[in-house]
C-alpha cells in the first residue's frame, strides 16, 4: 500500500480502523525530508499491515493543532482511531518498525 497524504477533512476516517502511523510534516522542514526515505522503507516492510499517512501541517493546521503538534516531524501512532504513541524527530528505521510492530 502506498503512503497516503491526508487532509484535515479525511483524518478521522483515515485513522479509524487498524494501525496507522501519521507523519506530521512540512515541505520546508529539513528533518522531515530526512525521515521520508525511512518511512518509505518502513512502508515496504509493514505496508500490508499498517497504513502510513502524511499530514502537511501548513495545509492542514486543524489536525496538527488538535493533536498538539508543536515541532516536526512528529509521528503519531493510532490503533482503531485511538492515539497510542508519539515520536518526535528523525528515528532509525529499526526503531520505528519495532514501535509499529508493538501495536500489531
C-alpha atoms as a PDB file:
ATOM      1  CA  UNK A   1       0.000   0.000   0.000  1.00  0.00           C
ATOM      2  CA  UNK A   2       1.279   3.476  -0.837  1.00  0.00           C
ATOM      3  CA  UNK A   3       1.866   6.197   1.722  1.00  0.00           C
ATOM      4  CA  UNK A   4      -1.219   8.431   1.719  1.00  0.00           C
ATOM      5  CA  UNK A   5      -1.447  12.212   2.005  1.00  0.00           C
ATOM      6  CA  UNK A   6      -4.281  13.174   4.328  1.00  0.00           C
ATOM      7  CA  UNK A   7      -6.231  16.422   4.641  1.00  0.00           C
ATOM      8  CA  UNK A   8      -7.984  17.714   7.778  1.00  0.00           C
ATOM      9  CA  UNK A   9     -11.343  16.602   6.353  1.00  0.00           C
ATOM     10  CA  UNK A  10     -10.147  12.995   5.841  1.00  0.00           C
ATOM     11  CA  UNK A  11      -8.111  12.496   9.008  1.00  0.00           C
ATOM     12  CA  UNK A  12     -10.705  10.888  11.302  1.00  0.00           C
ATOM     13  CA  UNK A  13     -11.715   8.426   8.578  1.00  0.00           C
ATOM     14  CA  UNK A  14      -8.077   7.546   7.825  1.00  0.00           C
ATOM     15  CA  UNK A  15      -7.155   6.633  11.425  1.00  0.00           C
ATOM     16  CA  UNK A  16     -10.488   4.982  12.254  1.00  0.00           C
ATOM     17  CA  UNK A  17      -9.520   1.366  11.548  1.00  0.00           C
ATOM     18  CA  UNK A  18      -6.357  -0.658  12.058  1.00  0.00           C
ATOM     19  CA  UNK A  19      -2.877   0.622  12.840  1.00  0.00           C
ATOM     20  CA  UNK A  20      -1.995   3.971  11.252  1.00  0.00           C
ATOM     21  CA  UNK A  21       1.332   5.806  11.508  1.00  0.00           C
ATOM     22  CA  UNK A  22       0.861   9.521  10.853  1.00  0.00           C
ATOM     23  CA  UNK A  23       3.772  11.771   9.883  1.00  0.00           C
ATOM     24  CA  UNK A  24       3.092  15.458  10.610  1.00  0.00           C
ATOM     25  CA  UNK A  25       5.488  17.332   8.301  1.00  0.00           C
ATOM     26  CA  UNK A  26       6.060  20.404   6.113  1.00  0.00           C
ATOM     27  CA  UNK A  27       7.873  20.778   2.772  1.00  0.00           C
ATOM     28  CA  UNK A  28      10.376  23.337   4.182  1.00  0.00           C
ATOM     29  CA  UNK A  29      11.404  21.078   7.113  1.00  0.00           C
ATOM     30  CA  UNK A  30      14.892  19.535   6.723  1.00  0.00           C
ATOM     31  CA  UNK A  31      14.398  16.696   9.250  1.00  0.00           C
ATOM     32  CA  UNK A  32      11.052  15.908   7.564  1.00  0.00           C
ATOM     33  CA  UNK A  33      12.932  15.365   4.294  1.00  0.00           C
ATOM     34  CA  UNK A  34      15.408  13.127   6.153  1.00  0.00           C
ATOM     35  CA  UNK A  35      12.673  10.875   7.565  1.00  0.00           C
ATOM     36  CA  UNK A  36      10.788  10.490   4.256  1.00  0.00           C
ATOM     37  CA  UNK A  37      13.019   7.645   2.922  1.00  0.00           C
ATOM     38  CA  UNK A  38      12.869   5.958   6.352  1.00  0.00           C
ATOM     39  CA  UNK A  39       9.072   5.946   6.094  1.00  0.00           C
ATOM     40  CA  UNK A  40       9.275   4.579   2.528  1.00  0.00           C
ATOM     41  CA  UNK A  41      11.491   1.744   3.820  1.00  0.00           C
ATOM     42  CA  UNK A  42       9.092   1.076   6.696  1.00  0.00           C
ATOM     43  CA  UNK A  43       6.142   1.083   4.291  1.00  0.00           C
ATOM     44  CA  UNK A  44       7.890  -1.537   2.144  1.00  0.00           C
ATOM     45  CA  UNK A  45       8.227  -3.783   5.213  1.00  0.00           C
ATOM     46  CA  UNK A  46       4.903  -3.314   7.023  1.00  0.00           C
ATOM     47  CA  UNK A  47       2.674  -1.579   4.459  1.00  0.00           C
ATOM     48  CA  UNK A  48       0.283  -4.532   4.257  1.00  0.00           C
ATOM     49  CA  UNK A  49      -0.453  -4.377   7.989  1.00  0.00           C
ATOM     50  CA  UNK A  50      -0.050  -0.647   8.669  1.00  0.00           C
ATOM     51  CA  UNK A  51      -1.241   2.485   6.906  1.00  0.00           C
ATOM     52  CA  UNK A  52       1.346   5.261   6.747  1.00  0.00           C
ATOM     53  CA  UNK A  53      -0.209   8.695   6.336  1.00  0.00           C
ATOM     54  CA  UNK A  54       1.354  12.125   5.937  1.00  0.00           C
ATOM     55  CA  UNK A  55      -0.260  15.371   7.112  1.00  0.00           C
ATOM     56  CA  UNK A  56       1.231  18.614   5.784  1.00  0.00           C
ATOM     57  CA  UNK A  57       0.895  20.937   8.798  1.00  0.00           C
ATOM     58  CA  UNK A  58       0.965  24.071   6.622  1.00  0.00           C
ATOM     59  CA  UNK A  59      -2.042  22.908   4.603  1.00  0.00           C
ATOM     60  CA  UNK A  60      -3.843  21.144   7.472  1.00  0.00           C
ATOM     61  CA  UNK A  61      -3.365  23.181  10.660  1.00  0.00           C
ATOM     62  CA  UNK A  62      -6.622  21.973  12.230  1.00  0.00           C
ATOM     63  CA  UNK A  63      -5.489  18.360  12.684  1.00  0.00           C
ATOM     64  CA  UNK A  64      -1.981  19.385  13.769  1.00  0.00           C
ATOM     65  CA  UNK A  65      -3.494  21.710  16.398  1.00  0.00           C
ATOM     66  CA  UNK A  66      -5.990  19.116  17.573  1.00  0.00           C
ATOM     67  CA  UNK A  67      -3.159  16.678  18.313  1.00  0.00           C
ATOM     68  CA  UNK A  68      -0.818  19.271  19.856  1.00  0.00           C
ATOM     69  CA  UNK A  69       1.874  19.056  17.183  1.00  0.00           C
ATOM     70  CA  UNK A  70       4.432  21.718  18.151  1.00  0.00           C
ATOM     71  CA  UNK A  71       7.525  20.523  16.264  1.00  0.00           C
ATOM     72  CA  UNK A  72       8.005  18.474  13.137  1.00  0.00           C
ATOM     73  CA  UNK A  73       8.457  15.807  12.149  1.00  0.00           C
ATOM     74  CA  UNK A  74       6.066  14.383  14.719  1.00  0.00           C
ATOM     75  CA  UNK A  75       4.989  10.783  14.253  1.00  0.00           C
ATOM     76  CA  UNK A  76       1.801   9.614  15.923  1.00  0.00           C
ATOM     77  CA  UNK A  77       0.636   6.032  16.039  1.00  0.00           C
ATOM     78  CA  UNK A  78      -3.088   5.257  16.060  1.00  0.00           C
ATOM     79  CA  UNK A  79      -4.860   1.962  16.647  1.00  0.00           C
ATOM     80  CA  UNK A  80      -8.544   1.841  15.694  1.00  0.00           C
ATOM     81  CA  UNK A  81      -8.847   5.622  15.989  1.00  0.00           C
ATOM     82  CA  UNK A  82      -7.089   5.933  19.366  1.00  0.00           C
ATOM     83  CA  UNK A  83      -3.682   7.598  19.661  1.00  0.00           C
ATOM     84  CA  UNK A  84      -1.295   5.069  21.237  1.00  0.00           C
ATOM     85  CA  UNK A  85       2.073   6.816  20.912  1.00  0.00           C
ATOM     86  CA  UNK A  86       4.145   9.756  19.725  1.00  0.00           C
ATOM     87  CA  UNK A  87       7.729  10.114  18.481  1.00  0.00           C
ATOM     88  CA  UNK A  88       9.281  13.497  17.693  1.00  0.00           C
ATOM     89  CA  UNK A  89      12.198  13.905  15.318  1.00  0.00           C
ATOM     90  CA  UNK A  90      14.058  11.565  12.997  1.00  0.00           C
ATOM     91  CA  UNK A  91      14.304   7.960  14.170  1.00  0.00           C
ATOM     92  CA  UNK A  92      16.144   4.944  12.710  1.00  0.00           C
ATOM     93  CA  UNK A  93      14.064   2.566  10.597  1.00  0.00           C
ATOM     94  CA  UNK A  94      14.531  -0.363  13.029  1.00  0.00           C
ATOM     95  CA  UNK A  95      13.264   1.715  15.955  1.00  0.00           C
ATOM     96  CA  UNK A  96      10.165   2.821  14.053  1.00  0.00           C
ATOM     97  CA  UNK A  97       9.498  -0.707  12.841  1.00  0.00           C
ATOM     98  CA  UNK A  98       9.680  -2.100  16.400  1.00  0.00           C
ATOM     99  CA  UNK A  99       7.372   0.702  17.611  1.00  0.00           C
ATOM    100  CA  UNK A 100       4.803  -0.016  14.905  1.00  0.00           C
ATOM    101  CA  UNK A 101       5.075  -3.808  15.304  1.00  0.00           C
ATOM    102  CA  UNK A 102       4.262  -3.445  19.014  1.00  0.00           C
ATOM    103  CA  UNK A 103       0.715  -2.441  18.029  1.00  0.00           C
ATOM    104  CA  UNK A 104       0.032  -5.263  15.568  1.00  0.00           C
END
